C-alpha atoms as a PDB file:
ATOM      1  CA  UNK A   1      58.979  51.530 127.903  1.00  0.00           C
ATOM      2  CA  UNK A   2      56.192  51.423 124.494  1.00  0.00           C
ATOM      3  CA  UNK A   3      54.793  49.225 122.385  1.00  0.00           C
ATOM      4  CA  UNK A   4      55.337  50.437 118.877  1.00  0.00           C
ATOM      5  CA  UNK A   5      51.396  50.642 118.289  1.00  0.00           C
ATOM      6  CA  UNK A   6      50.418  54.257 117.835  1.00  0.00           C
ATOM      7  CA  UNK A   7      47.576  55.823 119.756  1.00  0.00           C
ATOM      8  CA  UNK A   8      47.351  59.150 118.074  1.00  0.00           C
ATOM      9  CA  UNK A   9      48.896  61.830 115.286  1.00  0.00           C
ATOM     10  CA  UNK A  10      49.819  65.079 116.861  1.00  0.00           C
ATOM     11  CA  UNK A  11      52.100  67.930 115.647  1.00  0.00           C
ATOM     12  CA  UNK A  12      54.878  70.222 116.529  1.00  0.00           C
ATOM     13  CA  UNK A  13      53.007  73.192 117.655  1.00  0.00           C
ATOM     14  CA  UNK A  14      56.417  75.377 119.152  1.00  0.00           C
ATOM     15  CA  UNK A  15      60.146  75.042 118.944  1.00  0.00           C
ATOM     16  CA  UNK A  16      61.949  77.221 121.429  1.00  0.00           C
ATOM     17  CA  UNK A  17      66.000  77.045 121.656  1.00  0.00           C
ATOM     18  CA  UNK A  18      66.951  77.074 125.011  1.00  0.00           C
ATOM     19  CA  UNK A  19      70.290  77.374 126.418  1.00  0.00           C
ATOM     20  CA  UNK A  20      71.965  75.687 123.585  1.00  0.00           C
ATOM     21  CA  UNK A  21      69.349  72.944 122.902  1.00  0.00           C
ATOM     22  CA  UNK A  22      65.241  72.798 122.111  1.00  0.00           C
ATOM     23  CA  UNK A  23      62.293  73.223 124.190  1.00  0.00           C
ATOM     24  CA  UNK A  24      59.239  71.590 122.085  1.00  0.00           C
ATOM     25  CA  UNK A  25      55.713  71.806 122.375  1.00  0.00           C
ATOM     26  CA  UNK A  26      53.615  68.892 120.775  1.00  0.00           C
ATOM     27  CA  UNK A  27      49.686  69.255 120.144  1.00  0.00           C
ATOM     28  CA  UNK A  28      48.403  65.871 121.054  1.00  0.00           C
ATOM     29  CA  UNK A  29      45.042  65.576 118.701  1.00  0.00           C
ATOM     30  CA  UNK A  30      42.824  62.597 120.060  1.00  0.00           C
ATOM     31  CA  UNK A  31      45.942  61.287 122.336  1.00  0.00           C
ATOM     32  CA  UNK A  32      43.838  61.023 125.830  1.00  0.00           C
ATOM     33  CA  UNK A  33      45.457  63.261 128.218  1.00  0.00           C
ATOM     34  CA  UNK A  34      43.104  63.519 131.346  1.00  0.00           C
ATOM     35  CA  UNK A  35      45.736  61.602 133.618  1.00  0.00           C
ATOM     36  CA  UNK A  36      48.969  62.627 132.183  1.00  0.00           C
ATOM     37  CA  UNK A  37      51.550  63.676 135.190  1.00  0.00           C
ATOM     38  CA  UNK A  38      54.371  65.997 135.230  1.00  0.00           C
ATOM     39  CA  UNK A  39      57.868  63.872 134.685  1.00  0.00           C
ATOM     40  CA  UNK A  40      56.169  60.914 132.836  1.00  0.00           C
ATOM     41  CA  UNK A  41      56.970  59.849 129.186  1.00  0.00           C
ATOM     42  CA  UNK A  42      55.339  60.198 125.544  1.00  0.00           C
ATOM     43  CA  UNK A  43      56.816  58.981 122.762  1.00  0.00           C
ATOM     44  CA  UNK A  44      56.963  61.202 120.130  1.00  0.00           C
ATOM     45  CA  UNK A  45      57.934  59.551 116.857  1.00  0.00           C
ATOM     46  CA  UNK A  46      59.874  56.870 118.757  1.00  0.00           C
ATOM     47  CA  UNK A  47      61.648  59.568 120.849  1.00  0.00           C
ATOM     48  CA  UNK A  48      61.021  58.980 124.428  1.00  0.00           C
ATOM     49  CA  UNK A  49      60.284  62.484 125.747  1.00  0.00           C
ATOM     50  CA  UNK A  50      59.550  63.922 129.512  1.00  0.00           C
ATOM     51  CA  UNK A  51      56.446  66.000 130.011  1.00  0.00           C
ATOM     52  CA  UNK A  52      57.439  69.129 131.804  1.00  0.00           C
ATOM     53  CA  UNK A  53      54.378  71.069 131.350  1.00  0.00           C
ATOM     54  CA  UNK A  54      50.586  70.345 129.760  1.00  0.00           C
ATOM     55  CA  UNK A  55      47.222  71.042 129.387  1.00  0.00           C
ATOM     56  CA  UNK A  56      44.245  68.984 127.623  1.00  0.00           C
ATOM     57  CA  UNK A  57      45.359  69.595 124.054  1.00  0.00           C
ATOM     58  CA  UNK A  58      49.214  69.071 124.366  1.00  0.00           C
ATOM     59  CA  UNK A  59      52.650  69.281 126.128  1.00  0.00           C
ATOM     60  CA  UNK A  60      55.792  70.763 126.180  1.00  0.00           C
ATOM     61  CA  UNK A  61      58.905  68.506 126.430  1.00  0.00           C
ATOM     62  CA  UNK A  62      62.876  69.386 126.875  1.00  0.00           C
ATOM     63  CA  UNK A  63      65.016  67.983 123.971  1.00  0.00           C
ATOM     64  CA  UNK A  64      68.569  67.379 124.708  1.00  0.00           C
ATOM     65  CA  UNK A  65      71.729  68.000 122.217  1.00  0.00           C
ATOM     66  CA  UNK A  66      72.499  64.252 122.149  1.00  0.00           C
ATOM     67  CA  UNK A  67      68.719  63.538 121.032  1.00  0.00           C
ATOM     68  CA  UNK A  68      68.953  66.252 118.509  1.00  0.00           C
ATOM     69  CA  UNK A  69      71.774  64.731 117.048  1.00  0.00           C
ATOM     70  CA  UNK A  70      70.314  60.804 117.042  1.00  0.00           C
ATOM     71  CA  UNK A  71      66.685  62.116 115.532  1.00  0.00           C
ATOM     72  CA  UNK A  72      64.771  64.143 113.178  1.00  0.00           C
ATOM     73  CA  UNK A  73      62.775  65.744 115.971  1.00  0.00           C
ATOM     74  CA  UNK A  74      65.215  69.139 115.592  1.00  0.00           C
ATOM     75  CA  UNK A  75      64.522  69.509 111.793  1.00  0.00           C
ATOM     76  CA  UNK A  76      60.764  68.381 112.071  1.00  0.00           C
ATOM     77  CA  UNK A  77      58.661  72.300 110.830  1.00  0.00           C
ATOM     78  CA  UNK A  78      56.089  73.562 113.285  1.00  0.00           C
ATOM     79  CA  UNK A  79      52.918  71.540 112.098  1.00  0.00           C
ATOM     80  CA  UNK A  80      55.149  68.621 111.048  1.00  0.00           C
ATOM     81  CA  UNK A  81      52.762  65.396 112.043  1.00  0.00           C
ATOM     82  CA  UNK A  82      54.149  63.205 114.777  1.00  0.00           C
ATOM     83  CA  UNK A  83      53.221  59.726 116.180  1.00  0.00           C
ATOM     84  CA  UNK A  84      52.290  59.639 119.581  1.00  0.00           C
ATOM     85  CA  UNK A  85      52.167  56.725 122.207  1.00  0.00           C
ATOM     86  CA  UNK A  86      52.040  57.216 126.142  1.00  0.00           C
ATOM     87  CA  UNK A  87      53.888  54.444 128.233  1.00  0.00           C
ATOM     88  CA  UNK A  88      52.839  51.068 128.565  1.00  0.00           C
ATOM     89  CA  UNK A  89      50.871  50.223 131.618  1.00  0.00           C
ATOM     90  CA  UNK A  90      51.540  46.582 133.342  1.00  0.00           C
ATOM     91  CA  UNK A  91      47.869  45.812 132.208  1.00  0.00           C
ATOM     92  CA  UNK A  92      49.196  46.900 128.508  1.00  0.00           C
ATOM     93  CA  UNK A  93      48.237  44.256 125.679  1.00  0.00           C
ATOM     94  CA  UNK A  94      51.742  44.088 123.914  1.00  0.00           C
ATOM     95  CA  UNK A  95      50.520  43.802 120.255  1.00  0.00           C
ATOM     96  CA  UNK A  96      53.653  45.440 119.119  1.00  0.00           C
ATOM     97  CA  UNK A  97      57.548  44.879 120.503  1.00  0.00           C
ATOM     98  CA  UNK A  98      59.053  46.372 123.490  1.00  0.00           C
ATOM     99  CA  UNK A  99      60.042  49.898 122.582  1.00  0.00           C
ATOM    100  CA  UNK A 100      62.473  51.779 124.653  1.00  0.00           C
ATOM    101  CA  UNK A 101      62.143  54.909 122.950  1.00  0.00           C
ATOM    102  CA  UNK A 102      65.704  55.717 122.351  1.00  0.00           C
ATOM    103  CA  UNK A 103      66.269  56.038 119.010  1.00  0.00           C
ATOM    104  CA  UNK A 104      69.639  54.651 117.356  1.00  0.00           C
ATOM    105  CA  UNK A 105      70.260  56.476 114.144  1.00  0.00           C
ATOM    106  CA  UNK A 106      68.262  58.138 111.610  1.00  0.00           C
ATOM    107  CA  UNK A 107      67.250  56.393 108.051  1.00  0.00           C
ATOM    108  CA  UNK A 108      65.674  57.301 105.387  1.00  0.00           C
ATOM    109  CA  UNK A 109      62.298  56.487 102.928  1.00  0.00           C
ATOM    110  CA  UNK A 110      63.885  55.155  99.846  1.00  0.00           C
ATOM    111  CA  UNK A 111      60.634  53.738  97.714  1.00  0.00           C
ATOM    112  CA  UNK A 112      57.138  53.097  98.447  1.00  0.00           C
ATOM    113  CA  UNK A 113      55.311  51.050  95.923  1.00  0.00           C
ATOM    114  CA  UNK A 114      52.051  49.407  96.371  1.00  0.00           C
ATOM    115  CA  UNK A 115      51.744  45.600  97.325  1.00  0.00           C
ATOM    116  CA  UNK A 116      47.729  44.536  96.895  1.00  0.00           C
ATOM    117  CA  UNK A 117      46.189  46.524  99.204  1.00  0.00           C
ATOM    118  CA  UNK A 118      49.003  47.520 101.308  1.00  0.00           C
ATOM    119  CA  UNK A 119      52.270  49.490 100.594  1.00  0.00           C
ATOM    120  CA  UNK A 120      55.329  48.308 100.849  1.00  0.00           C
ATOM    121  CA  UNK A 121      58.033  50.611 102.229  1.00  0.00           C
ATOM    122  CA  UNK A 122      61.909  50.266 101.486  1.00  0.00           C
ATOM    123  CA  UNK A 123      64.587  52.357 103.830  1.00  0.00           C
ATOM    124  CA  UNK A 124      68.325  53.199 104.292  1.00  0.00           C
ATOM    125  CA  UNK A 125      70.375  53.000 107.014  1.00  0.00           C
ATOM    126  CA  UNK A 126      73.559  53.162 107.941  1.00  0.00           C
ATOM    127  CA  UNK A 127      75.474  49.646 108.265  1.00  0.00           C
ATOM    128  CA  UNK A 128      76.253  49.968 111.612  1.00  0.00           C
ATOM    129  CA  UNK A 129      72.549  50.017 112.341  1.00  0.00           C
ATOM    130  CA  UNK A 130      71.266  47.424 109.606  1.00  0.00           C
ATOM    131  CA  UNK A 131      73.910  44.587 111.407  1.00  0.00           C
ATOM    132  CA  UNK A 132      70.969  44.276 113.683  1.00  0.00           C
ATOM    133  CA  UNK A 133      68.114  44.306 111.354  1.00  0.00           C
ATOM    134  CA  UNK A 134      67.031  40.805 110.411  1.00  0.00           C
ATOM    135  CA  UNK A 135      63.936  39.564 108.346  1.00  0.00           C
ATOM    136  CA  UNK A 136      60.905  38.696 110.465  1.00  0.00           C
ATOM    137  CA  UNK A 137      62.215  40.560 112.969  1.00  0.00           C
ATOM    138  CA  UNK A 138      60.758  43.752 114.468  1.00  0.00           C
ATOM    139  CA  UNK A 139      61.901  47.244 113.823  1.00  0.00           C
ATOM    140  CA  UNK A 140      60.786  50.549 115.439  1.00  0.00           C
ATOM    141  CA  UNK A 141      60.314  52.981 112.524  1.00  0.00           C
ATOM    142  CA  UNK A 142      59.608  56.859 113.923  1.00  0.00           C
ATOM    143  CA  UNK A 143      57.603  55.200 116.589  1.00  0.00           C
ATOM    144  CA  UNK A 144      55.995  52.698 114.710  1.00  0.00           C
ATOM    145  CA  UNK A 145      56.687  48.762 115.200  1.00  0.00           C
ATOM    146  CA  UNK A 146      57.059  47.177 112.396  1.00  0.00           C
ATOM    147  CA  UNK A 147      58.155  43.224 110.473  1.00  0.00           C
ATOM    148  CA  UNK A 148      61.266  43.217 108.468  1.00  0.00           C
ATOM    149  CA  UNK A 149      60.329  42.025 105.349  1.00  0.00           C
ATOM    150  CA  UNK A 150      63.692  42.039 103.392  1.00  0.00           C
ATOM    151  CA  UNK A 151      67.225  43.349 104.421  1.00  0.00           C
ATOM    152  CA  UNK A 152      70.429  43.840 102.332  1.00  0.00           C
ATOM    153  CA  UNK A 153      73.645  45.439 102.802  1.00  0.00           C
ATOM    154  CA  UNK A 154      71.986  49.092 102.098  1.00  0.00           C
ATOM    155  CA  UNK A 155      68.653  48.823 103.488  1.00  0.00           C
ATOM    156  CA  UNK A 156      65.566  46.886 104.979  1.00  0.00           C
ATOM    157  CA  UNK A 157      61.868  46.374 103.516  1.00  0.00           C
ATOM    158  CA  UNK A 158      58.296  46.576 105.671  1.00  0.00           C
ATOM    159  CA  UNK A 159      54.741  46.284 104.458  1.00  0.00           C
ATOM    160  CA  UNK A 160      52.344  48.892 105.958  1.00  0.00           C
ATOM    161  CA  UNK A 161      48.515  47.906 106.052  1.00  0.00           C
ATOM    162  CA  UNK A 162      46.189  50.504 105.306  1.00  0.00           C
ATOM    163  CA  UNK A 163      45.236  50.603 108.649  1.00  0.00           C
ATOM    164  CA  UNK A 164      48.389  51.983 109.641  1.00  0.00           C
ATOM    165  CA  UNK A 165      49.046  54.071 106.833  1.00  0.00           C
ATOM    166  CA  UNK A 166      45.895  55.441 107.479  1.00  0.00           C
ATOM    167  CA  UNK A 167      46.475  55.802 111.458  1.00  0.00           C
ATOM    168  CA  UNK A 168      50.038  57.379 111.444  1.00  0.00           C
ATOM    169  CA  UNK A 169      52.253  60.182 110.306  1.00  0.00           C
ATOM    170  CA  UNK A 170      53.200  57.484 107.580  1.00  0.00           C
ATOM    171  CA  UNK A 171      50.047  59.054 105.889  1.00  0.00           C
ATOM    172  CA  UNK A 172      51.887  62.039 105.075  1.00  0.00           C
ATOM    173  CA  UNK A 173      55.357  60.814 104.522  1.00  0.00           C
ATOM    174  CA  UNK A 174      57.548  60.721 101.243  1.00  0.00           C
ATOM    175  CA  UNK A 175      60.671  59.453  99.460  1.00  0.00           C
ATOM    176  CA  UNK A 176      63.801  60.942 100.623  1.00  0.00           C
ATOM    177  CA  UNK A 177      61.760  61.929 104.153  1.00  0.00           C
ATOM    178  CA  UNK A 178      63.892  61.259 107.300  1.00  0.00           C
ATOM    179  CA  UNK A 179      62.694  58.628 110.192  1.00  0.00           C
ATOM    180  CA  UNK A 180      63.804  57.518 113.321  1.00  0.00           C
ATOM    181  CA  UNK A 181      65.128  54.041 113.576  1.00  0.00           C
ATOM    182  CA  UNK A 182      65.222  52.105 117.053  1.00  0.00           C
ATOM    183  CA  UNK A 183      66.270  48.466 116.467  1.00  0.00           C
ATOM    184  CA  UNK A 184      65.163  45.358 118.335  1.00  0.00           C
ATOM    185  CA  UNK A 185      66.648  45.607 122.120  1.00  0.00           C
ATOM    186  CA  UNK A 186      67.408  41.808 122.082  1.00  0.00           C
ATOM    187  CA  UNK A 187      69.554  42.145 119.313  1.00  0.00           C
ATOM    188  CA  UNK A 188      71.712  45.109 121.129  1.00  0.00           C
ATOM    189  CA  UNK A 189      71.991  42.981 124.104  1.00  0.00           C
ATOM    190  CA  UNK A 190      72.864  39.546 122.720  1.00  0.00           C
ATOM    191  CA  UNK A 191      75.453  41.509 120.707  1.00  0.00           C
ATOM    192  CA  UNK A 192      77.228  43.383 124.119  1.00  0.00           C
ATOM    193  CA  UNK A 193      76.925  39.780 125.328  1.00  0.00           C
ATOM    194  CA  UNK A 194      79.293  37.948 122.580  1.00  0.00           C
ATOM    195  CA  UNK A 195      81.298  41.242 122.399  1.00  0.00           C
ATOM    196  CA  UNK A 196      82.299  41.344 125.807  1.00  0.00           C
ATOM    197  CA  UNK A 197      84.450  38.285 126.213  1.00  0.00           C
ATOM    198  CA  UNK A 198      83.483  37.843 130.152  1.00  0.00           C
ATOM    199  CA  UNK A 199      82.274  34.765 131.126  1.00  0.00           C
ATOM    200  CA  UNK A 200      78.954  34.581 133.221  1.00  0.00           C
ATOM    201  CA  UNK A 201      79.443  34.359 136.664  1.00  0.00           C
END
């Protein structure tokens, strides 16, 4: 599990096709790597990946075809910036919201404009995802926990404060860019409970 609070901006260092899927090398920048262990999870632009190799400057992870189909990772170029967060600890302050790192689908940046000292961002998303996105609810965009300020049948809007823009890969994003979206876990479970038609024991 993650919080959606980005700890570092890294970049794609290598991409290697292996057995029909992909092995990614991620340069981790200032992300603390001293106590990283094989098999632990690190969120890369919102995608939970398993560390299979690492050193002090980065790590390597395998990316399955399912992940490639549902996320932006396969389309990122060498050098592309990525948001990084290590898995939370029981003692971690939950400053964002509970994020699984299981991306639901891809959205796109539609428009960016100034809103005071902040920026207002509008994203488009498939209607199947928009049903889970509610005003003042939480949404995870490229691994960043954000509050939904507006939502309609075509997309949703958030505000990014200057700190978020400066300390995430959003600083390099432009209109038209693809983003990973993970809806709030609670919304998914509520829908499942309501649609199952099975009474609780």
